[in-house]
C-alpha atoms as a PDB file:
ATOM      1  CA  MET A   1     -14.133 116.116  97.950  1.00  0.00           C
ATOM      2  CA  SER A   2     -16.097 118.198 100.413  1.00  0.00           C
ATOM      3  CA  ILE A   3     -17.028 117.707 104.061  1.00  0.00           C
ATOM      4  CA  SER A   4     -19.415 119.738 106.167  1.00  0.00           C
ATOM      5  CA  ILE A   5     -20.303 119.187 109.912  1.00  0.00           C
ATOM      6  CA  ILE A   6     -23.256 121.403 110.774  1.00  0.00           C
ATOM      7  CA  TYR A   7     -24.395 121.614 114.382  1.00  0.00           C
ATOM      8  CA  PHE A   8     -28.007 122.454 115.211  1.00  0.00           C
ATOM      9  CA  LEU A   9     -29.616 122.743 118.503  1.00  0.00           C
ATOM     10  CA  TRP A  10     -31.322 119.336 118.491  1.00  0.00           C
ATOM     11  CA  TYR A  11     -29.310 117.503 115.816  1.00  0.00           C
ATOM     12  CA  ILE A  12     -26.052 117.376 113.801  1.00  0.00           C
ATOM     13  CA  MET A  13     -25.639 116.874 110.059  1.00  0.00           C
ATOM     14  CA  ILE A  14     -22.527 115.296 108.569  1.00  0.00           C
ATOM     15  CA  ILE A  15     -22.534 116.005 104.866  1.00  0.00           C
ATOM     16  CA  TYR A  16     -19.959 114.636 102.578  1.00  0.00           C
ATOM     17  CA  GLU A  17     -19.501 114.422  98.834  1.00  0.00           C
ATOM     18  CA  ILE A  18     -16.881 112.387  96.972  1.00  0.00           C
ATOM     19  CA  ASN A  19     -15.835 113.053  93.435  1.00  0.00           C
ATOM     20  CA  GLN A  20     -16.766 110.235  91.174  1.00  0.00           C
ATOM     21  CA  GLU A  21     -13.083 109.444  90.387  1.00  0.00           C
ATOM     22  CA  HIS A  22     -12.421 108.758  94.110  1.00  0.00           C
ATOM     23  CA  GLN A  23     -15.599 106.823  94.947  1.00  0.00           C
ATOM     24  CA  GLY A  24     -15.239 103.168  95.991  1.00  0.00           C
ATOM     25  CA  LYS A  25     -11.834 103.759  97.679  1.00  0.00           C
ATOM     26  CA  GLY A  26     -13.135 103.779 101.317  1.00  0.00           C
ATOM     27  CA  TYR A  27     -12.962 107.605 101.725  1.00  0.00           C
ATOM     28  CA  GLY A  28     -16.649 107.892 102.572  1.00  0.00           C
ATOM     29  CA  SER A  29     -16.222 105.473 105.447  1.00  0.00           C
ATOM     30  CA  ILE A  30     -13.167 107.321 106.760  1.00  0.00           C
ATOM     31  CA  ILE A  31     -14.949 110.626 106.483  1.00  0.00           C
ATOM     32  CA  LEU A  32     -17.930 109.467 108.447  1.00  0.00           C
ATOM     33  CA  LYS A  33     -15.713 107.756 111.140  1.00  0.00           C
ATOM     34  CA  LEU A  34     -13.675 110.912 111.568  1.00  0.00           C
ATOM     35  CA  GLY A  35     -16.753 113.082 111.680  1.00  0.00           C
ATOM     36  CA  LEU A  36     -18.361 110.870 114.400  1.00  0.00           C
ATOM     37  CA  ASP A  37     -15.072 110.973 116.397  1.00  0.00           C
ATOM     38  CA  MET A  38     -14.949 114.751 116.118  1.00  0.00           C
ATOM     39  CA  ILE A  39     -18.476 115.192 117.388  1.00  0.00           C
ATOM     40  CA  ASN A  40     -17.578 113.478 120.622  1.00  0.00           C
ATOM     41  CA  PHE A  41     -21.015 112.159 121.490  1.00  0.00           C
ATOM     42  CA  LYS A  42     -22.228 112.121 125.080  1.00  0.00           C
ATOM     43  CA  GLU A  43     -25.163 109.915 124.068  1.00  0.00           C
ATOM     44  CA  LYS A  44     -24.766 106.186 124.052  1.00  0.00           C
ATOM     45  CA  GLU A  45     -26.654 105.871 120.705  1.00  0.00           C
ATOM     46  CA  PHE A  46     -27.883 108.066 117.969  1.00  0.00           C
ATOM     47  CA  GLU A  47     -29.758 107.835 114.614  1.00  0.00           C
ATOM     48  CA  ILE A  48     -28.211 108.293 111.199  1.00  0.00           C
ATOM     49  CA  THR A  49     -30.213 108.342 107.895  1.00  0.00           C
ATOM     50  CA  CYS A  50     -29.761 107.996 104.159  1.00  0.00           C
ATOM     51  CA  LEU A  51     -32.066 107.785 101.109  1.00  0.00           C
ATOM     52  CA  GLU A  52     -33.094 104.233 100.409  1.00  0.00           C
ATOM     53  CA  THR A  53     -31.707 104.684  96.849  1.00  0.00           C
ATOM     54  CA  ASN A  54     -28.234 105.678  98.094  1.00  0.00           C
ATOM     55  CA  ILE A  55     -26.460 102.359  98.085  1.00  0.00           C
ATOM     56  CA  ALA A  56     -23.005 103.827  98.856  1.00  0.00           C
ATOM     57  CA  SER A  57     -24.248 105.615 101.929  1.00  0.00           C
ATOM     58  CA  LYS A  58     -25.946 102.452 103.200  1.00  0.00           C
ATOM     59  CA  LYS A  59     -22.619 100.600 102.974  1.00  0.00           C
ATOM     60  CA  ILE A  60     -20.711 103.449 104.614  1.00  0.00           C
ATOM     61  CA  ILE A  61     -23.183 103.554 107.537  1.00  0.00           C
ATOM     62  CA  ALA A  62     -23.028  99.710 107.906  1.00  0.00           C
ATOM     63  CA  LYS A  63     -19.214  99.738 107.845  1.00  0.00           C
ATOM     64  CA  ASN A  64     -19.368 102.236 110.770  1.00  0.00           C
ATOM     65  CA  GLY A  65     -21.513 100.117 112.858  1.00  0.00           C
ATOM     66  CA  GLY A  66     -24.949 101.246 111.761  1.00  0.00           C
ATOM     67  CA  ILE A  67     -27.809  98.862 112.560  1.00  0.00           C
ATOM     68  CA  PHE A  68     -30.921  99.169 110.428  1.00  0.00           C
ATOM     69  CA  LYS A  69     -33.981 100.321 112.488  1.00  0.00           C
ATOM     70  CA  GLU A  70     -36.767 101.407 110.070  1.00  0.00           C
ATOM     71  CA  LYS A  71     -37.822 103.105 106.892  1.00  0.00           C
ATOM     72  CA  LYS A  72     -39.584 106.546 106.955  1.00  0.00           C
ATOM     73  CA  LYS A  73     -40.960 108.844 104.408  1.00  0.00           C
ATOM     74  CA  ASP A  74     -39.761 112.373 104.423  1.00  0.00           C
ATOM     75  CA  SER A  75     -41.706 115.600 103.466  1.00  0.00           C
ATOM     76  CA  ALA A  76     -40.688 115.106  99.795  1.00  0.00           C
ATOM     77  CA  ASN A  77     -42.069 111.482  99.982  1.00  0.00           C
ATOM     78  CA  ASP A  78     -38.545 110.098  99.587  1.00  0.00           C
ATOM     79  CA  ILE A  79     -37.893 106.920 101.619  1.00  0.00           C
ATOM     80  CA  LYS A  80     -35.181 107.380 104.176  1.00  0.00           C
ATOM     81  CA  LEU A  81     -33.512 104.422 105.939  1.00  0.00           C
ATOM     82  CA  VAL A  82     -32.920 104.988 109.722  1.00  0.00           C
ATOM     83  CA  TYR A  83     -29.985 103.350 111.377  1.00  0.00           C
ATOM     84  CA  THR A  84     -28.758 103.258 114.994  1.00  0.00           C
ATOM     85  CA  ILE A  85     -25.092 103.712 115.690  1.00  0.00           C
ATOM     86  CA  PHE A  86     -23.796 103.265 119.239  1.00  0.00           C
ATOM     87  CA  SER A  87     -20.907 105.435 120.473  1.00  0.00           C
ATOM     88  CA  LYS A  88     -17.732 103.752 121.483  1.00  0.00           C
END
């Protein structure tokens, strides 16, 4: 299992990978929640994205309060789903 939190000037990336033997046990939801808590957002809401084909990430985002906003194509022509999450 690996976790990276990368800060850029205009955005933050939370990247995580869960070994296949540990998938489906809720670790992804915990990792995202802890990552969001660590960032300590000053904004009331922010966007989070995942590929349309990544079913596990869609579930993880929804479990952490993500509300579907729109679909967008990225530069590689992949469809990304955009969600809004409100800080607590």
